[in-house]
Amino acid sequence: MDKSTWGSVNRLRAWLDENAGEQSERERRLLRVLKIGEEYGEVAEAVHGALGTNPRKGPSHSWDDVRNELIDVAVTALVALATLDADGEAEFDARLQYLVDRALPPPPDDRA
């Protein structure tokens, strides 16, 4: 069993596919993308709870809760990407490299 990040993401995607019932491929894609929004809402709730800014609930979460909810968002997004693209890992790596190259200066030339 592949326990790498992408191996786990693809196992989750396959499990969701197997349990999708009568959902069409279009519905599966849509629902998995929408799930990211649901998970983001849980991050927002955890941040409010960690800061104690909800007067009705007061402090109700910790920053560990926020971290865990952020991980849920990331995993949910990766599963959605794997649902949209069979080679989601390569697409992710290429996009990440693009973002790094755009944001960071090139490394110094080691030949100097």
PDB file of N, CA and C in Angstrom:
ATOM      1  N   MET A   1       0.845  -1.175   0.000  1.00  0.00           N
ATOM      2  CA  MET A   1       0.000   0.000   0.000  1.00  0.00           C
ATOM      3  C   MET A   1       0.890   1.238   0.000  1.00  0.00           C
ATOM      4  N   ASP A   2       0.598   2.162  -0.894  1.00  0.00           N
ATOM      5  CA  ASP A   2       1.355   3.400  -1.019  1.00  0.00           C
ATOM      6  C   ASP A   2       0.883   4.378   0.053  1.00  0.00           C
ATOM      7  N   LYS A   3       1.742   4.656   1.043  1.00  0.00           N
ATOM      8  CA  LYS A   3       1.375   5.554   2.137  1.00  0.00           C
ATOM      9  C   LYS A   3       1.917   6.970   1.942  1.00  0.00           C
ATOM     10  N   SER A   4       2.411   7.270   0.722  1.00  0.00           N
ATOM     11  CA  SER A   4       2.851   8.632   0.429  1.00  0.00           C
ATOM     12  C   SER A   4       1.630   9.558   0.440  1.00  0.00           C
ATOM     13  N   THR A   5       1.892  10.838   0.446  1.00  0.00           N
ATOM     14  CA  THR A   5       0.782  11.800   0.430  1.00  0.00           C
ATOM     15  C   THR A   5      -0.149  11.534  -0.740  1.00  0.00           C
ATOM     16  N   TRP A   6       0.416  11.446  -1.950  1.00  0.00           N
ATOM     17  CA  TRP A   6      -0.440  11.262  -3.117  1.00  0.00           C
ATOM     18  C   TRP A   6      -1.036   9.863  -3.179  1.00  0.00           C
ATOM     19  N   GLY A   7      -0.339   8.874  -2.655  1.00  0.00           N
ATOM     20  CA  GLY A   7      -0.933   7.544  -2.566  1.00  0.00           C
ATOM     21  C   GLY A   7      -2.166   7.562  -1.672  1.00  0.00           C
ATOM     22  N   SER A   8      -2.053   8.261  -0.545  1.00  0.00           N
ATOM     23  CA  SER A   8      -3.187   8.378   0.383  1.00  0.00           C
ATOM     24  C   SER A   8      -4.319   9.185  -0.235  1.00  0.00           C
ATOM     25  N   VAL A   9      -3.975  10.276  -0.927  1.00  0.00           N
ATOM     26  CA  VAL A   9      -5.001  11.090  -1.591  1.00  0.00           C
ATOM     27  C   VAL A   9      -5.753  10.238  -2.611  1.00  0.00           C
ATOM     28  N   ASN A  10      -5.025   9.472  -3.393  1.00  0.00           N
ATOM     29  CA  ASN A  10      -5.683   8.647  -4.413  1.00  0.00           C
ATOM     30  C   ASN A  10      -6.507   7.520  -3.799  1.00  0.00           C
ATOM     31  N   ARG A  11      -6.076   6.985  -2.655  1.00  0.00           N
ATOM     32  CA  ARG A  11      -6.899   5.980  -1.962  1.00  0.00           C
ATOM     33  C   ARG A  11      -8.194   6.607  -1.456  1.00  0.00           C
ATOM     34  N   LEU A  12      -8.107   7.822  -0.907  1.00  0.00           N
ATOM     35  CA  LEU A  12      -9.319   8.514  -0.465  1.00  0.00           C
ATOM     36  C   LEU A  12     -10.252   8.794  -1.641  1.00  0.00           C
ATOM     37  N   ARG A  13      -9.689   9.269  -2.759  1.00  0.00           N
ATOM     38  CA  ARG A  13     -10.503   9.542  -3.943  1.00  0.00           C
ATOM     39  C   ARG A  13     -11.192   8.280  -4.425  1.00  0.00           C
ATOM     40  N   ALA A  14     -10.461   7.166  -4.482  1.00  0.00           N
ATOM     41  CA  ALA A  14     -11.048   5.894  -4.925  1.00  0.00           C
ATOM     42  C   ALA A  14     -12.156   5.456  -3.974  1.00  0.00           C
ATOM     43  N   TRP A  15     -11.942   5.603  -2.671  1.00  0.00           N
ATOM     44  CA  TRP A  15     -12.966   5.235  -1.690  1.00  0.00           C
ATOM     45  C   TRP A  15     -14.213   6.091  -1.874  1.00  0.00           C
ATOM     46  N   LEU A  16     -14.018   7.398  -2.075  1.00  0.00           N
ATOM     47  CA  LEU A  16     -15.163   8.273  -2.321  1.00  0.00           C
ATOM     48  C   LEU A  16     -15.885   7.876  -3.602  1.00  0.00           C
ATOM     49  N   ASP A  17     -15.126   7.564  -4.651  1.00  0.00           N
ATOM     50  CA  ASP A  17     -15.737   7.134  -5.915  1.00  0.00           C
ATOM     51  C   ASP A  17     -16.583   5.885  -5.712  1.00  0.00           C
ATOM     52  N   GLU A  18     -16.051   4.927  -4.948  1.00  0.00           N
ATOM     53  CA  GLU A  18     -16.762   3.665  -4.711  1.00  0.00           C
ATOM     54  C   GLU A  18     -18.045   3.875  -3.920  1.00  0.00           C
ATOM     55  N   ASN A  19     -18.083   4.943  -3.142  1.00  0.00           N
ATOM     56  CA  ASN A  19     -19.242   5.202  -2.285  1.00  0.00           C
ATOM     57  C   ASN A  19     -20.067   6.397  -2.753  1.00  0.00           C
ATOM     58  N   ALA A  20     -19.929   6.757  -4.024  1.00  0.00           N
ATOM     59  CA  ALA A  20     -20.628   7.927  -4.558  1.00  0.00           C
ATOM     60  C   ALA A  20     -22.069   7.638  -4.949  1.00  0.00           C
ATOM     61  N   GLY A  21     -22.469   6.393  -4.862  1.00  0.00           N
ATOM     62  CA  GLY A  21     -23.851   6.061  -5.208  1.00  0.00           C
ATOM     63  C   GLY A  21     -24.144   6.362  -6.661  1.00  0.00           C
ATOM     64  N   GLU A  22     -25.236   7.055  -6.877  1.00  0.00           N
ATOM     65  CA  GLU A  22     -25.696   7.345  -8.232  1.00  0.00           C
ATOM     66  C   GLU A  22     -25.161   8.671  -8.777  1.00  0.00           C
ATOM     67  N   GLN A  23     -24.181   9.261  -8.098  1.00  0.00           N
ATOM     68  CA  GLN A  23     -23.651  10.539  -8.563  1.00  0.00           C
ATOM     69  C   GLN A  23     -22.964  10.368  -9.917  1.00  0.00           C
ATOM     70  N   SER A  24     -23.207  11.320 -10.777  1.00  0.00           N
ATOM     71  CA  SER A  24     -22.499  11.339 -12.057  1.00  0.00           C
ATOM     72  C   SER A  24     -21.085  11.868 -11.816  1.00  0.00           C
ATOM     73  N   GLU A  25     -20.232  11.726 -12.812  1.00  0.00           N
ATOM     74  CA  GLU A  25     -18.876  12.278 -12.690  1.00  0.00           C
ATOM     75  C   GLU A  25     -18.930  13.785 -12.469  1.00  0.00           C
ATOM     76  N   ARG A  26     -19.830  14.438 -13.177  1.00  0.00           N
ATOM     77  CA  ARG A  26     -19.982  15.893 -13.028  1.00  0.00           C
ATOM     78  C   ARG A  26     -20.365  16.251 -11.593  1.00  0.00           C
ATOM     79  N   GLU A  27     -21.305  15.512 -11.012  1.00  0.00           N
ATOM     80  CA  GLU A  27     -21.726  15.772  -9.636  1.00  0.00           C
ATOM     81  C   GLU A  27     -20.595  15.510  -8.651  1.00  0.00           C
ATOM     82  N   ARG A  28     -19.848  14.424  -8.868  1.00  0.00           N
ATOM     83  CA  ARG A  28     -18.714  14.123  -7.983  1.00  0.00           C
ATOM     84  C   ARG A  28     -17.712  15.270  -8.001  1.00  0.00           C
ATOM     85  N   ARG A  29     -17.390  15.748  -9.191  1.00  0.00           N
ATOM     86  CA  ARG A  29     -16.432  16.860  -9.297  1.00  0.00           C
ATOM     87  C   ARG A  29     -16.950  18.081  -8.547  1.00  0.00           C
ATOM     88  N   LEU A  30     -18.174  18.449  -8.813  1.00  0.00           N
ATOM     89  CA  LEU A  30     -18.760  19.631  -8.187  1.00  0.00           C
ATOM     90  C   LEU A  30     -18.795  19.499  -6.668  1.00  0.00           C
ATOM     91  N   LEU A  31     -19.267  18.366  -6.175  1.00  0.00           N
ATOM     92  CA  LEU A  31     -19.390  18.186  -4.733  1.00  0.00           C
ATOM     93  C   LEU A  31     -18.038  18.199  -4.036  1.00  0.00           C
ATOM     94  N   ARG A  32     -17.024  17.658  -4.684  1.00  0.00           N
ATOM     95  CA  ARG A  32     -15.692  17.646  -4.057  1.00  0.00           C
ATOM     96  C   ARG A  32     -15.060  19.025  -4.033  1.00  0.00           C
ATOM     97  N   VAL A  33     -15.331  19.818  -5.042  1.00  0.00           N
ATOM     98  CA  VAL A  33     -14.840  21.197  -5.020  1.00  0.00           C
ATOM     99  C   VAL A  33     -15.605  21.999  -3.964  1.00  0.00           C
ATOM    100  N   LEU A  34     -16.917  21.820  -3.895  1.00  0.00           N
ATOM    101  CA  LEU A  34     -17.712  22.533  -2.892  1.00  0.00           C
ATOM    102  C   LEU A  34     -17.319  22.144  -1.469  1.00  0.00           C
ATOM    103  N   LYS A  35     -16.872  20.918  -1.274  1.00  0.00           N
ATOM    104  CA  LYS A  35     -16.454  20.436   0.047  1.00  0.00           C
ATOM    105  C   LYS A  35     -15.305  21.286   0.595  1.00  0.00           C
ATOM    106  N   ILE A  36     -14.477  21.840  -0.299  1.00  0.00           N
ATOM    107  CA  ILE A  36     -13.383  22.711   0.142  1.00  0.00           C
ATOM    108  C   ILE A  36     -13.950  23.907   0.903  1.00  0.00           C
ATOM    109  N   GLY A  37     -15.047  24.481   0.392  1.00  0.00           N
ATOM    110  CA  GLY A  37     -15.687  25.612   1.056  1.00  0.00           C
ATOM    111  C   GLY A  37     -16.207  25.238   2.430  1.00  0.00           C
ATOM    112  N   GLU A  38     -16.779  24.055   2.535  1.00  0.00           N
ATOM    113  CA  GLU A  38     -17.273  23.582   3.832  1.00  0.00           C
ATOM    114  C   GLU A  38     -16.117  23.465   4.825  1.00  0.00           C
ATOM    115  N   GLU A  39     -15.020  22.890   4.375  1.00  0.00           N
ATOM    116  CA  GLU A  39     -13.858  22.732   5.253  1.00  0.00           C
ATOM    117  C   GLU A  39     -13.267  24.092   5.633  1.00  0.00           C
ATOM    118  N   TYR A  40     -13.231  25.033   4.688  1.00  0.00           N
ATOM    119  CA  TYR A  40     -12.747  26.372   4.992  1.00  0.00           C
ATOM    120  C   TYR A  40     -13.595  27.009   6.097  1.00  0.00           C
ATOM    121  N   GLY A  41     -14.903  26.802   6.026  1.00  0.00           N
ATOM    122  CA  GLY A  41     -15.785  27.325   7.069  1.00  0.00           C
ATOM    123  C   GLY A  41     -15.416  26.795   8.443  1.00  0.00           C
ATOM    124  N   GLU A  42     -14.968  25.551   8.500  1.00  0.00           N
ATOM    125  CA  GLU A  42     -14.538  24.976   9.772  1.00  0.00           C
ATOM    126  C   GLU A  42     -13.241  25.621  10.255  1.00  0.00           C
ATOM    127  N   VAL A  43     -12.364  26.006   9.323  1.00  0.00           N
ATOM    128  CA  VAL A  43     -11.157  26.739   9.709  1.00  0.00           C
ATOM    129  C   VAL A  43     -11.554  28.086  10.315  1.00  0.00           C
ATOM    130  N   ALA A  44     -12.457  28.789   9.632  1.00  0.00           N
ATOM    131  CA  ALA A  44     -12.895  30.096  10.123  1.00  0.00           C
ATOM    132  C   ALA A  44     -13.515  29.976  11.512  1.00  0.00           C
ATOM    133  N   GLU A  45     -14.332  28.962  11.721  1.00  0.00           N
ATOM    134  CA  GLU A  45     -14.935  28.752  13.031  1.00  0.00           C
ATOM    135  C   GLU A  45     -13.862  28.489  14.088  1.00  0.00           C
ATOM    136  N   ALA A  46     -12.858  27.686  13.733  1.00  0.00           N
ATOM    137  CA  ALA A  46     -11.789  27.375  14.682  1.00  0.00           C
ATOM    138  C   ALA A  46     -10.967  28.626  15.013  1.00  0.00           C
ATOM    139  N   VAL A  47     -10.721  29.490  14.024  1.00  0.00           N
ATOM    140  CA  VAL A  47      -9.976  30.727  14.284  1.00  0.00           C
ATOM    141  C   VAL A  47     -10.770  31.621  15.242  1.00  0.00           C
ATOM    142  N   HIS A  48     -12.063  31.775  14.959  1.00  0.00           N
ATOM    143  CA  HIS A  48     -12.893  32.564  15.881  1.00  0.00           C
ATOM    144  C   HIS A  48     -12.860  31.952  17.275  1.00  0.00           C
ATOM    145  N   GLY A  49     -12.907  30.633  17.356  1.00  0.00           N
ATOM    146  CA  GLY A  49     -12.867  29.969  18.657  1.00  0.00           C
ATOM    147  C   GLY A  49     -11.534  30.128  19.357  1.00  0.00           C
ATOM    148  N   ALA A  50     -10.446  30.076  18.594  1.00  0.00           N
ATOM    149  CA  ALA A  50      -9.113  30.243  19.187  1.00  0.00           C
ATOM    150  C   ALA A  50      -8.909  31.670  19.694  1.00  0.00           C
ATOM    151  N   LEU A  51      -9.509  32.624  18.983  1.00  0.00           N
ATOM    152  CA  LEU A  51      -9.402  34.021  19.403  1.00  0.00           C
ATOM    153  C   LEU A  51     -10.475  34.417  20.418  1.00  0.00           C
ATOM    154  N   GLY A  52     -11.495  33.561  20.574  1.00  0.00           N
ATOM    155  CA  GLY A  52     -12.577  33.870  21.498  1.00  0.00           C
ATOM    156  C   GLY A  52     -13.443  35.024  21.039  1.00  0.00           C
ATOM    157  N   THR A  53     -13.562  35.201  19.694  1.00  0.00           N
ATOM    158  CA  THR A  53     -14.275  36.372  19.176  1.00  0.00           C
ATOM    159  C   THR A  53     -15.766  36.160  18.976  1.00  0.00           C
ATOM    160  N   ASN A  54     -16.254  34.948  19.196  1.00  0.00           N
ATOM    161  CA  ASN A  54     -17.695  34.721  19.101  1.00  0.00           C
ATOM    162  C   ASN A  54     -18.274  34.923  20.497  1.00  0.00           C
ATOM    163  N   PRO A  55     -19.027  36.018  20.710  1.00  0.00           N
ATOM    164  CA  PRO A  55     -19.506  36.304  22.064  1.00  0.00           C
ATOM    165  C   PRO A  55     -20.442  35.235  22.610  1.00  0.00           C
ATOM    166  N   ARG A  56     -21.083  34.505  21.757  1.00  0.00           N
ATOM    167  CA  ARG A  56     -21.989  33.458  22.213  1.00  0.00           C
ATOM    168  C   ARG A  56     -21.223  32.233  22.708  1.00  0.00           C
ATOM    169  N   LYS A  57     -20.073  31.918  22.074  1.00  0.00           N
ATOM    170  CA  LYS A  57     -19.319  30.710  22.411  1.00  0.00           C
ATOM    171  C   LYS A  57     -18.068  30.981  23.230  1.00  0.00           C
ATOM    172  N   GLY A  58     -17.497  32.182  23.086  1.00  0.00           N
ATOM    173  CA  GLY A  58     -16.237  32.468  23.771  1.00  0.00           C
ATOM    174  C   GLY A  58     -15.126  31.587  23.216  1.00  0.00           C
ATOM    175  N   PRO A  59     -14.051  31.423  23.980  1.00  0.00           N
ATOM    176  CA  PRO A  59     -12.960  30.554  23.514  1.00  0.00           C
ATOM    177  C   PRO A  59     -13.454  29.101  23.419  1.00  0.00           C
ATOM    178  N   SER A  60     -13.440  28.562  22.216  1.00  0.00           N
ATOM    179  CA  SER A  60     -13.987  27.216  22.015  1.00  0.00           C
ATOM    180  C   SER A  60     -13.041  26.297  21.242  1.00  0.00           C
ATOM    181  N   HIS A  61     -11.949  26.855  20.734  1.00  0.00           N
ATOM    182  CA  HIS A  61     -10.999  26.074  19.945  1.00  0.00           C
ATOM    183  C   HIS A  61      -9.578  26.487  20.327  1.00  0.00           C
ATOM    184  N   SER A  62      -8.642  25.662  19.914  1.00  0.00           N
ATOM    185  CA  SER A  62      -7.225  25.981  20.109  1.00  0.00           C
ATOM    186  C   SER A  62      -6.577  26.180  18.744  1.00  0.00           C
ATOM    187  N   TRP A  63      -5.327  26.650  18.761  1.00  0.00           N
ATOM    188  CA  TRP A  63      -4.601  26.782  17.501  1.00  0.00           C
ATOM    189  C   TRP A  63      -4.272  25.410  16.926  1.00  0.00           C
ATOM    190  N   ASP A  64      -4.221  24.383  17.760  1.00  0.00           N
ATOM    191  CA  ASP A  64      -4.094  23.012  17.240  1.00  0.00           C
ATOM    192  C   ASP A  64      -5.325  22.642  16.419  1.00  0.00           C
ATOM    193  N   ASP A  65      -6.496  23.073  16.871  1.00  0.00           N
ATOM    194  CA  ASP A  65      -7.726  22.840  16.097  1.00  0.00           C
ATOM    195  C   ASP A  65      -7.649  23.540  14.743  1.00  0.00           C
ATOM    196  N   VAL A  66      -7.131  24.767  14.738  1.00  0.00           N
ATOM    197  CA  VAL A  66      -6.987  25.510  13.485  1.00  0.00           C
ATOM    198  C   VAL A  66      -6.054  24.741  12.550  1.00  0.00           C
ATOM    199  N   ARG A  67      -4.921  24.293  13.083  1.00  0.00           N
ATOM    200  CA  ARG A  67      -3.974  23.520  12.275  1.00  0.00           C
ATOM    201  C   ARG A  67      -4.639  22.291  11.668  1.00  0.00           C
ATOM    202  N   ASN A  68      -5.377  21.551  12.475  1.00  0.00           N
ATOM    203  CA  ASN A  68      -6.038  20.342  11.972  1.00  0.00           C
ATOM    204  C   ASN A  68      -7.074  20.662  10.907  1.00  0.00           C
ATOM    205  N   GLU A  69      -7.801  21.752  11.086  1.00  0.00           N
ATOM    206  CA  GLU A  69      -8.792  22.138  10.076  1.00  0.00           C
ATOM    207  C   GLU A  69      -8.115  22.575   8.778  1.00  0.00           C
ATOM    208  N   LEU A  70      -6.962  23.239   8.894  1.00  0.00           N
ATOM    209  CA  LEU A  70      -6.211  23.604   7.683  1.00  0.00           C
ATOM    210  C   LEU A  70      -5.741  22.362   6.930  1.00  0.00           C
ATOM    211  N   ILE A  71      -5.329  21.355   7.670  1.00  0.00           N
ATOM    212  CA  ILE A  71      -4.931  20.095   7.030  1.00  0.00           C
ATOM    213  C   ILE A  71      -6.124  19.475   6.328  1.00  0.00           C
ATOM    214  N   ASP A  72      -7.289  19.539   6.951  1.00  0.00           N
ATOM    215  CA  ASP A  72      -8.500  19.019   6.305  1.00  0.00           C
ATOM    216  C   ASP A  72      -8.776  19.749   4.994  1.00  0.00           C
ATOM    217  N   VAL A  73      -8.574  21.075   4.980  1.00  0.00           N
ATOM    218  CA  VAL A  73      -8.766  21.850   3.753  1.00  0.00           C
ATOM    219  C   VAL A  73      -7.787  21.377   2.687  1.00  0.00           C
ATOM    220  N   ALA A  74      -6.522  21.223   3.071  1.00  0.00           N
ATOM    221  CA  ALA A  74      -5.502  20.817   2.105  1.00  0.00           C
ATOM    222  C   ALA A  74      -5.805  19.435   1.530  1.00  0.00           C
ATOM    223  N   VAL A  75      -6.154  18.492   2.380  1.00  0.00           N
ATOM    224  CA  VAL A  75      -6.463  17.135   1.908  1.00  0.00           C
ATOM    225  C   VAL A  75      -7.692  17.157   1.011  1.00  0.00           C
ATOM    226  N   THR A  76      -8.708  17.899   1.407  1.00  0.00           N
ATOM    227  CA  THR A  76      -9.925  17.995   0.606  1.00  0.00           C
ATOM    228  C   THR A  76      -9.625  18.592  -0.761  1.00  0.00           C
ATOM    229  N   ALA A  77      -8.770  19.617  -0.797  1.00  0.00           N
ATOM    230  CA  ALA A  77      -8.394  20.221  -2.081  1.00  0.00           C
ATOM    231  C   ALA A  77      -7.609  19.241  -2.940  1.00  0.00           C
ATOM    232  N   LEU A  78      -6.715  18.479  -2.339  1.00  0.00           N
ATOM    233  CA  LEU A  78      -5.944  17.496  -3.114  1.00  0.00           C
ATOM    234  C   LEU A  78      -6.836  16.382  -3.645  1.00  0.00           C
ATOM    235  N   VAL A  79      -7.803  15.951  -2.860  1.00  0.00           N
ATOM    236  CA  VAL A  79      -8.747  14.935  -3.341  1.00  0.00           C
ATOM    237  C   VAL A  79      -9.574  15.503  -4.494  1.00  0.00           C
ATOM    238  N   ALA A  80     -10.001  16.748  -4.372  1.00  0.00           N
ATOM    239  CA  ALA A  80     -10.754  17.375  -5.469  1.00  0.00           C
ATOM    240  C   ALA A  80      -9.887  17.459  -6.721  1.00  0.00           C
ATOM    241  N   LEU A  81      -8.623  17.832  -6.558  1.00  0.00           N
ATOM    242  CA  LEU A  81      -7.715  17.895  -7.703  1.00  0.00           C
ATOM    243  C   LEU A  81      -7.538  16.526  -8.332  1.00  0.00           C
ATOM    244  N   ALA A  82      -7.376  15.497  -7.518  1.00  0.00           N
ATOM    245  CA  ALA A  82      -7.234  14.132  -8.042  1.00  0.00           C
ATOM    246  C   ALA A  82      -8.500  13.683  -8.757  1.00  0.00           C
ATOM    247  N   THR A  83      -9.638  14.200  -8.336  1.00  0.00           N
ATOM    248  CA  THR A  83     -10.904  13.887  -8.994  1.00  0.00           C
ATOM    249  C   THR A  83     -10.982  14.566 -10.363  1.00  0.00           C
ATOM    250  N   LEU A  84     -10.479  15.789 -10.439  1.00  0.00           N
ATOM    251  CA  LEU A  84     -10.517  16.537 -11.693  1.00  0.00           C
ATOM    252  C   LEU A  84      -9.465  16.075 -12.696  1.00  0.00           C
ATOM    253  N   ASP A  85      -8.342  15.588 -12.200  1.00  0.00           N
ATOM    254  CA  ASP A  85      -7.208  15.268 -13.076  1.00  0.00           C
ATOM    255  C   ASP A  85      -6.525  14.004 -12.576  1.00  0.00           C
ATOM    256  N   ALA A  86      -6.493  12.990 -13.416  1.00  0.00           N
ATOM    257  CA  ALA A  86      -5.873  11.720 -13.031  1.00  0.00           C
ATOM    258  C   ALA A  86      -4.399  11.894 -12.690  1.00  0.00           C
ATOM    259  N   ASP A  87      -3.755  12.915 -13.233  1.00  0.00           N
ATOM    260  CA  ASP A  87      -2.353  13.187 -12.928  1.00  0.00           C
ATOM    261  C   ASP A  87      -2.253  14.440 -12.063  1.00  0.00           C
ATOM    262  N   GLY A  88      -3.088  14.483 -11.027  1.00  0.00           N
ATOM    263  CA  GLY A  88      -3.119  15.645 -10.142  1.00  0.00           C
ATOM    264  C   GLY A  88      -1.785  15.939  -9.495  1.00  0.00           C
ATOM    265  N   GLU A  89      -1.020  14.898  -9.185  1.00  0.00           N
ATOM    266  CA  GLU A  89       0.279  15.101  -8.549  1.00  0.00           C
ATOM    267  C   GLU A  89       1.202  15.924  -9.446  1.00  0.00           C
ATOM    268  N   ALA A  90       1.293  15.568 -10.711  1.00  0.00           N
ATOM    269  CA  ALA A  90       2.161  16.307 -11.639  1.00  0.00           C
ATOM    270  C   ALA A  90       1.652  17.733 -11.832  1.00  0.00           C
ATOM    271  N   GLU A  91       0.329  17.890 -11.925  1.00  0.00           N
ATOM    272  CA  GLU A  91      -0.235  19.223 -12.073  1.00  0.00           C
ATOM    273  C   GLU A  91       0.051  20.080 -10.844  1.00  0.00           C
ATOM    274  N   PHE A  92      -0.080  19.465  -9.677  1.00  0.00           N
ATOM    275  CA  PHE A  92       0.211  20.174  -8.426  1.00  0.00           C
ATOM    276  C   PHE A  92       1.673  20.604  -8.378  1.00  0.00           C
ATOM    277  N   ASP A  93       2.569  19.668  -8.661  1.00  0.00           N
ATOM    278  CA  ASP A  93       3.999  19.976  -8.622  1.00  0.00           C
ATOM    279  C   ASP A  93       4.358  21.087  -9.601  1.00  0.00           C
ATOM    280  N   ALA A  94       3.796  21.037 -10.810  1.00  0.00           N
ATOM    281  CA  ALA A  94       4.086  22.063 -11.815  1.00  0.00           C
ATOM    282  C   ALA A  94       3.569  23.426 -11.354  1.00  0.00           C
ATOM    283  N   ARG A  95       2.371  23.461 -10.818  1.00  0.00           N
ATOM    284  CA  ARG A  95       1.796  24.736 -10.370  1.00  0.00           C
ATOM    285  C   ARG A  95       2.563  25.281  -9.165  1.00  0.00           C
ATOM    286  N   LEU A  96       2.932  24.404  -8.241  1.00  0.00           N
ATOM    287  CA  LEU A  96       3.715  24.837  -7.084  1.00  0.00           C
ATOM    288  C   LEU A  96       5.041  25.439  -7.541  1.00  0.00           C
ATOM    289  N   GLN A  97       5.708  24.783  -8.478  1.00  0.00           N
ATOM    290  CA  GLN A  97       6.977  25.320  -8.981  1.00  0.00           C
ATOM    291  C   GLN A  97       6.768  26.676  -9.652  1.00  0.00           C
ATOM    292  N   TYR A  98       5.700  26.823 -10.412  1.00  0.00           N
ATOM    293  CA  TYR A  98       5.372  28.111 -11.035  1.00  0.00           C
ATOM    294  C   TYR A  98       5.211  29.194  -9.966  1.00  0.00           C
ATOM    295  N   LEU A  99       4.473  28.887  -8.905  1.00  0.00           N
ATOM    296  CA  LEU A  99       4.237  29.867  -7.848  1.00  0.00           C
ATOM    297  C   LEU A  99       5.527  30.223  -7.120  1.00  0.00           C
ATOM    298  N   VAL A 100       6.360  29.232  -6.864  1.00  0.00           N
ATOM    299  CA  VAL A 100       7.653  29.484  -6.211  1.00  0.00           C
ATOM    300  C   VAL A 100       8.524  30.353  -7.108  1.00  0.00           C
ATOM    301  N   ASP A 101       8.601  29.992  -8.386  1.00  0.00           N
ATOM    302  CA  ASP A 101       9.429  30.765  -9.317  1.00  0.00           C
ATOM    303  C   ASP A 101       8.943  32.206  -9.440  1.00  0.00           C
ATOM    304  N   ARG A 102       7.636  32.392  -9.390  1.00  0.00           N
ATOM    305  CA  ARG A 102       7.062  33.733  -9.512  1.00  0.00           C
ATOM    306  C   ARG A 102       7.312  34.561  -8.252  1.00  0.00           C
ATOM    307  N   ALA A 103       7.285  33.913  -7.099  1.00  0.00           N
ATOM    308  CA  ALA A 103       7.369  34.634  -5.827  1.00  0.00           C
ATOM    309  C   ALA A 103       8.796  34.850  -5.320  1.00  0.00           C
ATOM    310  N   LEU A 104       9.666  33.902  -5.593  1.00  0.00           N
ATOM    311  CA  LEU A 104      11.010  33.944  -4.995  1.00  0.00           C
ATOM    312  C   LEU A 104      12.053  34.303  -6.041  1.00  0.00           C
ATOM    313  N   PRO A 105      13.096  35.012  -5.615  1.00  0.00           N
ATOM    314  CA  PRO A 105      14.162  35.293  -6.569  1.00  0.00           C
ATOM    315  C   PRO A 105      14.893  33.998  -6.917  1.00  0.00           C
ATOM    316  N   PRO A 106      15.494  33.960  -8.097  1.00  0.00           N
ATOM    317  CA  PRO A 106      16.231  32.750  -8.461  1.00  0.00           C
ATOM    318  C   PRO A 106      17.401  32.545  -7.498  1.00  0.00           C
ATOM    319  N   PRO A 107      17.781  31.295  -7.265  1.00  0.00           N
ATOM    320  CA  PRO A 107      18.907  31.047  -6.350  1.00  0.00           C
ATOM    321  C   PRO A 107      20.189  31.644  -6.938  1.00  0.00           C
ATOM    322  N   PRO A 108      21.123  32.025  -6.072  1.00  0.00           N
ATOM    323  CA  PRO A 108      22.379  32.580  -6.577  1.00  0.00           C
ATOM    324  C   PRO A 108      23.127  31.532  -7.399  1.00  0.00           C
ATOM    325  N   ASP A 109      23.867  32.019  -8.375  1.00  0.00           N
ATOM    326  CA  ASP A 109      24.643  31.121  -9.232  1.00  0.00           C
ATOM    327  C   ASP A 109      25.808  30.576  -8.421  1.00  0.00           C
ATOM    328  N   ASP A 110      25.893  29.255  -8.304  1.00  0.00           N
ATOM    329  CA  ASP A 110      26.938  28.623  -7.506  1.00  0.00           C
ATOM    330  C   ASP A 110      28.296  28.621  -8.197  1.00  0.00           C
ATOM    331  N   ARG A 111      28.347  29.009  -9.475  1.00  0.00           N
ATOM    332  CA  ARG A 111      29.600  28.962 -10.215  1.00  0.00           C
ATOM    333  C   ARG A 111      30.475  30.183  -9.971  1.00  0.00           C
ATOM    334  N   ALA A 112      30.003  31.143  -9.254  1.00  0.00           N
ATOM    335  CA  ALA A 112      30.767  32.391  -9.071  1.00  0.00           C
ATOM    336  C   ALA A 112      31.907  32.236  -8.100  1.00  0.00           C
TER     337      ALA A 112
END
